[in-house]
Amino acid sequence: MATLDKRDYRERFQPVTGMLDNGRCEPMKAVVHGVLMATVAVCAAYNTAAWLKRRQRHLAINAVIYSAAVWWERCHVMHHLHDCPAAPRVTRHPNMQDAA
């Protein structure tokens, strides 16, 4: 069985490590955090609803933690969207009309 030396390891994972740099793949990073935000939002909603029905302390704690996680992930999404490059502005020719 062959083993990878450090150089082979770095070469194989170079695309992934490059993606983790600041300013690279920011839209994808925002999507990943958006998926996490949606997931913890569902967890927060479930735990809040369960707490309202059963009034168990652990459900209240979970609801607070998941609600804080929603805020935390929103901050990450906004950070990554802020770092996205600006989209180019599309200008139309004055004689063009909308197709719709």
N, C-alpha and C. Protein backbone atom coordinates (compact mmCIF):
# COMPACT_ATOMS: atom_id res chain seq x y z
N MET A 1 0.84 -1.18 0.00
CA MET A 1 0.00 0.00 0.00
C MET A 1 0.89 1.25 0.00
N ALA A 2 0.66 2.10 -0.96
CA ALA A 2 1.48 3.31 -1.09
C ALA A 2 0.96 4.39 -0.14
N THR A 3 1.88 5.15 0.38
CA THR A 3 1.49 6.26 1.25
C THR A 3 1.76 7.57 0.52
N LEU A 4 1.00 8.57 0.87
CA LEU A 4 1.17 9.89 0.28
C LEU A 4 2.18 10.68 1.08
N ASP A 5 3.13 11.28 0.37
CA ASP A 5 4.00 12.19 1.10
C ASP A 5 3.32 13.56 1.16
N LYS A 6 3.88 14.48 1.90
CA LYS A 6 3.24 15.78 2.12
C LYS A 6 3.02 16.53 0.81
N ARG A 7 3.93 16.40 -0.12
CA ARG A 7 3.79 17.12 -1.38
C ARG A 7 2.59 16.61 -2.18
N ASP A 8 2.41 15.29 -2.25
CA ASP A 8 1.25 14.73 -2.95
C ASP A 8 -0.05 15.18 -2.30
N TYR A 9 -0.06 15.19 -0.99
CA TYR A 9 -1.24 15.60 -0.24
C TYR A 9 -1.60 17.04 -0.57
N ARG A 10 -0.62 17.92 -0.57
CA ARG A 10 -0.86 19.33 -0.87
C ARG A 10 -1.36 19.52 -2.30
N GLU A 11 -0.78 18.78 -3.24
CA GLU A 11 -1.20 18.92 -4.64
C GLU A 11 -2.63 18.45 -4.85
N ARG A 12 -3.02 17.40 -4.19
CA ARG A 12 -4.37 16.87 -4.36
C ARG A 12 -5.43 17.78 -3.74
N PHE A 13 -5.10 18.46 -2.67
CA PHE A 13 -6.08 19.30 -1.99
C PHE A 13 -5.89 20.78 -2.28
N GLN A 14 -5.05 21.14 -3.21
CA GLN A 14 -4.82 22.54 -3.54
C GLN A 14 -6.09 23.26 -3.97
N PRO A 15 -6.95 22.67 -4.83
CA PRO A 15 -8.18 23.39 -5.19
C PRO A 15 -9.06 23.70 -3.99
N VAL A 16 -9.11 22.79 -3.02
CA VAL A 16 -9.95 23.00 -1.84
C VAL A 16 -9.33 24.06 -0.93
N THR A 17 -8.06 24.00 -0.71
CA THR A 17 -7.44 24.98 0.19
C THR A 17 -7.45 26.37 -0.44
N GLY A 18 -7.32 26.46 -1.75
CA GLY A 18 -7.40 27.76 -2.41
C GLY A 18 -8.78 28.38 -2.27
N MET A 19 -9.80 27.54 -2.27
CA MET A 19 -11.17 27.99 -2.14
C MET A 19 -11.42 28.62 -0.77
N LEU A 20 -10.66 28.22 0.22
CA LEU A 20 -10.87 28.71 1.59
C LEU A 20 -10.24 30.07 1.84
N ASP A 21 -9.48 30.60 0.89
CA ASP A 21 -8.85 31.91 1.06
C ASP A 21 -9.92 33.01 1.05
N ASN A 22 -9.60 34.13 1.71
CA ASN A 22 -10.49 35.29 1.69
C ASN A 22 -10.66 35.79 0.27
N GLY A 23 -11.90 36.12 -0.07
CA GLY A 23 -12.18 36.69 -1.38
C GLY A 23 -12.36 35.67 -2.49
N ARG A 24 -12.25 34.40 -2.20
CA ARG A 24 -12.43 33.37 -3.23
C ARG A 24 -13.68 32.56 -2.93
N CYS A 25 -14.48 32.30 -3.94
CA CYS A 25 -15.69 31.48 -3.83
C CYS A 25 -16.67 32.01 -2.79
N GLU A 26 -16.74 33.31 -2.64
CA GLU A 26 -17.61 33.90 -1.62
C GLU A 26 -19.09 33.56 -1.82
N PRO A 27 -19.61 33.53 -3.06
CA PRO A 27 -21.02 33.14 -3.21
C PRO A 27 -21.28 31.72 -2.72
N MET A 28 -20.37 30.79 -2.99
CA MET A 28 -20.56 29.43 -2.53
C MET A 28 -20.50 29.35 -1.00
N LYS A 29 -19.59 30.09 -0.41
CA LYS A 29 -19.51 30.11 1.06
C LYS A 29 -20.80 30.67 1.66
N ALA A 30 -21.37 31.70 1.02
CA ALA A 30 -22.63 32.26 1.49
C ALA A 30 -23.75 31.23 1.39
N VAL A 31 -23.76 30.43 0.32
CA VAL A 31 -24.78 29.39 0.17
C VAL A 31 -24.64 28.34 1.25
N VAL A 32 -23.41 27.93 1.55
CA VAL A 32 -23.19 26.92 2.60
C VAL A 32 -23.73 27.44 3.93
N HIS A 33 -23.41 28.66 4.27
CA HIS A 33 -23.91 29.22 5.53
C HIS A 33 -25.42 29.44 5.47
N GLY A 34 -25.96 29.73 4.29
CA GLY A 34 -27.40 29.87 4.14
C GLY A 34 -28.13 28.56 4.41
N VAL A 35 -27.55 27.45 3.92
CA VAL A 35 -28.14 26.14 4.19
C VAL A 35 -28.10 25.84 5.69
N LEU A 36 -26.98 26.16 6.32
CA LEU A 36 -26.89 25.97 7.77
C LEU A 36 -27.89 26.85 8.50
N MET A 37 -28.07 28.08 8.04
CA MET A 37 -29.01 28.98 8.68
C MET A 37 -30.43 28.43 8.56
N ALA A 38 -30.79 27.90 7.41
CA ALA A 38 -32.12 27.31 7.23
C ALA A 38 -32.31 26.10 8.15
N THR A 39 -31.26 25.30 8.28
CA THR A 39 -31.33 24.11 9.13
C THR A 39 -31.55 24.50 10.59
N VAL A 40 -30.75 25.43 11.09
CA VAL A 40 -30.91 25.81 12.49
C VAL A 40 -32.20 26.59 12.72
N ALA A 41 -32.72 27.26 11.68
CA ALA A 41 -34.01 27.94 11.81
C ALA A 41 -35.13 26.92 12.01
N VAL A 42 -35.06 25.81 11.29
CA VAL A 42 -36.05 24.74 11.48
C VAL A 42 -35.94 24.18 12.90
N CYS A 43 -34.71 23.96 13.35
CA CYS A 43 -34.50 23.46 14.72
C CYS A 43 -35.03 24.46 15.75
N ALA A 44 -34.79 25.74 15.53
CA ALA A 44 -35.29 26.77 16.46
C ALA A 44 -36.80 26.78 16.49
N ALA A 45 -37.43 26.69 15.31
CA ALA A 45 -38.89 26.70 15.25
C ALA A 45 -39.47 25.48 15.94
N TYR A 46 -38.88 24.31 15.69
CA TYR A 46 -39.38 23.09 16.33
C TYR A 46 -39.26 23.18 17.85
N ASN A 47 -38.09 23.57 18.34
CA ASN A 47 -37.88 23.62 19.78
C ASN A 47 -38.75 24.68 20.45
N THR A 48 -38.97 25.79 19.77
CA THR A 48 -39.86 26.82 20.31
C THR A 48 -41.28 26.29 20.40
N ALA A 49 -41.75 25.65 19.33
CA ALA A 49 -43.11 25.10 19.34
C ALA A 49 -43.24 24.00 20.40
N ALA A 50 -42.24 23.15 20.51
CA ALA A 50 -42.28 22.08 21.51
C ALA A 50 -42.28 22.65 22.93
N TRP A 51 -41.51 23.71 23.13
CA TRP A 51 -41.47 24.33 24.45
C TRP A 51 -42.83 24.96 24.80
N LEU A 52 -43.46 25.61 23.80
CA LEU A 52 -44.76 26.21 24.05
C LEU A 52 -45.80 25.16 24.44
N LYS A 53 -45.66 23.97 23.91
CA LYS A 53 -46.61 22.91 24.22
C LYS A 53 -46.27 22.18 25.52
N ARG A 54 -44.99 21.85 25.75
CA ARG A 54 -44.62 20.99 26.88
C ARG A 54 -43.95 21.71 28.04
N ARG A 55 -43.42 22.91 27.81
CA ARG A 55 -42.76 23.71 28.86
C ARG A 55 -41.64 22.98 29.57
N GLN A 56 -40.83 22.25 28.81
CA GLN A 56 -39.67 21.59 29.39
C GLN A 56 -38.44 22.48 29.22
N ARG A 57 -37.64 22.54 30.26
CA ARG A 57 -36.52 23.48 30.29
C ARG A 57 -35.53 23.23 29.15
N HIS A 58 -35.22 21.97 28.84
CA HIS A 58 -34.24 21.70 27.79
C HIS A 58 -34.72 22.20 26.43
N LEU A 59 -36.03 22.21 26.20
CA LEU A 59 -36.56 22.73 24.94
C LEU A 59 -36.38 24.24 24.85
N ALA A 60 -36.55 24.93 25.97
CA ALA A 60 -36.33 26.37 25.99
C ALA A 60 -34.87 26.70 25.74
N ILE A 61 -33.99 25.93 26.36
CA ILE A 61 -32.54 26.14 26.15
C ILE A 61 -32.18 25.90 24.69
N ASN A 62 -32.70 24.80 24.13
CA ASN A 62 -32.44 24.50 22.72
C ASN A 62 -32.96 25.62 21.82
N ALA A 63 -34.15 26.12 22.11
CA ALA A 63 -34.73 27.19 21.29
C ALA A 63 -33.85 28.43 21.31
N VAL A 64 -33.34 28.77 22.47
CA VAL A 64 -32.46 29.94 22.58
C VAL A 64 -31.16 29.71 21.82
N ILE A 65 -30.57 28.53 21.99
CA ILE A 65 -29.29 28.24 21.32
C ILE A 65 -29.48 28.24 19.80
N TYR A 66 -30.53 27.58 19.31
CA TYR A 66 -30.76 27.54 17.87
C TYR A 66 -31.11 28.92 17.32
N SER A 67 -31.82 29.72 18.07
CA SER A 67 -32.13 31.08 17.62
C SER A 67 -30.86 31.92 17.53
N ALA A 68 -29.96 31.74 18.49
CA ALA A 68 -28.66 32.44 18.41
C ALA A 68 -27.87 31.95 17.21
N ALA A 69 -27.97 30.66 16.90
CA ALA A 69 -27.25 30.10 15.75
C ALA A 69 -27.79 30.68 14.44
N VAL A 70 -29.10 30.96 14.38
CA VAL A 70 -29.67 31.59 13.19
C VAL A 70 -29.03 32.96 13.00
N TRP A 71 -28.95 33.74 14.06
CA TRP A 71 -28.32 35.07 13.98
C TRP A 71 -26.85 34.95 13.57
N TRP A 72 -26.14 33.98 14.16
CA TRP A 72 -24.73 33.77 13.87
C TRP A 72 -24.52 33.45 12.39
N GLU A 73 -25.32 32.53 11.87
CA GLU A 73 -25.19 32.15 10.46
C GLU A 73 -25.59 33.30 9.55
N ARG A 74 -26.57 34.09 9.94
CA ARG A 74 -26.94 35.25 9.13
C ARG A 74 -25.76 36.22 9.02
N CYS A 75 -25.05 36.40 10.11
CA CYS A 75 -23.87 37.27 10.08
C CYS A 75 -22.84 36.73 9.09
N HIS A 76 -22.66 35.41 9.07
CA HIS A 76 -21.71 34.81 8.13
C HIS A 76 -22.17 34.99 6.69
N VAL A 77 -23.46 34.78 6.44
CA VAL A 77 -23.99 34.96 5.08
C VAL A 77 -23.76 36.39 4.62
N MET A 78 -24.09 37.36 5.47
CA MET A 78 -23.92 38.76 5.10
C MET A 78 -22.46 39.10 4.86
N HIS A 79 -21.57 38.54 5.67
CA HIS A 79 -20.14 38.76 5.50
C HIS A 79 -19.68 38.27 4.13
N HIS A 80 -20.09 37.07 3.76
CA HIS A 80 -19.67 36.51 2.48
C HIS A 80 -20.31 37.26 1.31
N LEU A 81 -21.56 37.67 1.45
CA LEU A 81 -22.19 38.44 0.37
C LEU A 81 -21.53 39.81 0.21
N HIS A 82 -21.11 40.39 1.32
CA HIS A 82 -20.43 41.69 1.27
C HIS A 82 -19.11 41.56 0.51
N ASP A 83 -18.44 40.42 0.65
CA ASP A 83 -17.15 40.21 -0.01
C ASP A 83 -17.27 39.74 -1.45
N CYS A 84 -18.50 39.53 -1.94
CA CYS A 84 -18.68 39.12 -3.34
C CYS A 84 -18.33 40.29 -4.26
N PRO A 85 -17.73 39.98 -5.39
CA PRO A 85 -17.47 41.07 -6.34
C PRO A 85 -18.78 41.62 -6.88
N ALA A 86 -18.78 42.90 -7.17
CA ALA A 86 -19.99 43.55 -7.68
C ALA A 86 -20.32 42.99 -9.06
N ALA A 87 -21.60 42.76 -9.30
CA ALA A 87 -22.05 42.27 -10.59
C ALA A 87 -21.95 43.41 -11.61
N PRO A 88 -21.57 43.08 -12.83
CA PRO A 88 -21.49 44.15 -13.84
C PRO A 88 -22.88 44.67 -14.17
N ARG A 89 -22.97 45.96 -14.40
CA ARG A 89 -24.25 46.57 -14.74
C ARG A 89 -24.54 46.33 -16.21
N VAL A 90 -25.77 45.94 -16.49
CA VAL A 90 -26.18 45.69 -17.86
C VAL A 90 -26.91 46.92 -18.36
N THR A 91 -26.44 47.44 -19.45
CA THR A 91 -27.11 48.59 -20.05
C THR A 91 -27.76 48.14 -21.35
N ARG A 92 -28.94 48.63 -21.59
CA ARG A 92 -29.67 48.27 -22.80
C ARG A 92 -29.52 49.39 -23.83
N HIS A 93 -29.57 48.99 -25.05
CA HIS A 93 -29.57 49.96 -26.14
C HIS A 93 -30.91 50.68 -26.10
N PRO A 94 -30.96 51.99 -26.36
CA PRO A 94 -32.23 52.73 -26.24
C PRO A 94 -33.32 52.19 -27.16
N ASN A 95 -32.99 51.57 -28.28
CA ASN A 95 -34.00 51.08 -29.20
C ASN A 95 -34.52 49.69 -28.83
N MET A 96 -33.90 49.03 -27.84
CA MET A 96 -34.34 47.68 -27.47
C MET A 96 -35.57 47.77 -26.58
N GLN A 97 -36.49 46.84 -26.77
CA GLN A 97 -37.67 46.77 -25.93
C GLN A 97 -37.65 45.44 -25.19
N ASP A 98 -38.37 45.41 -24.07
CA ASP A 98 -38.45 44.16 -23.32
C ASP A 98 -39.19 43.11 -24.14
N ALA A 99 -38.70 41.87 -24.06
CA ALA A 99 -39.33 40.79 -24.79
C ALA A 99 -40.65 40.38 -24.15
N ALA A 100 -40.81 40.67 -22.90
CA ALA A 100 -42.04 40.24 -22.20
C ALA A 100 -43.14 41.17 -22.37
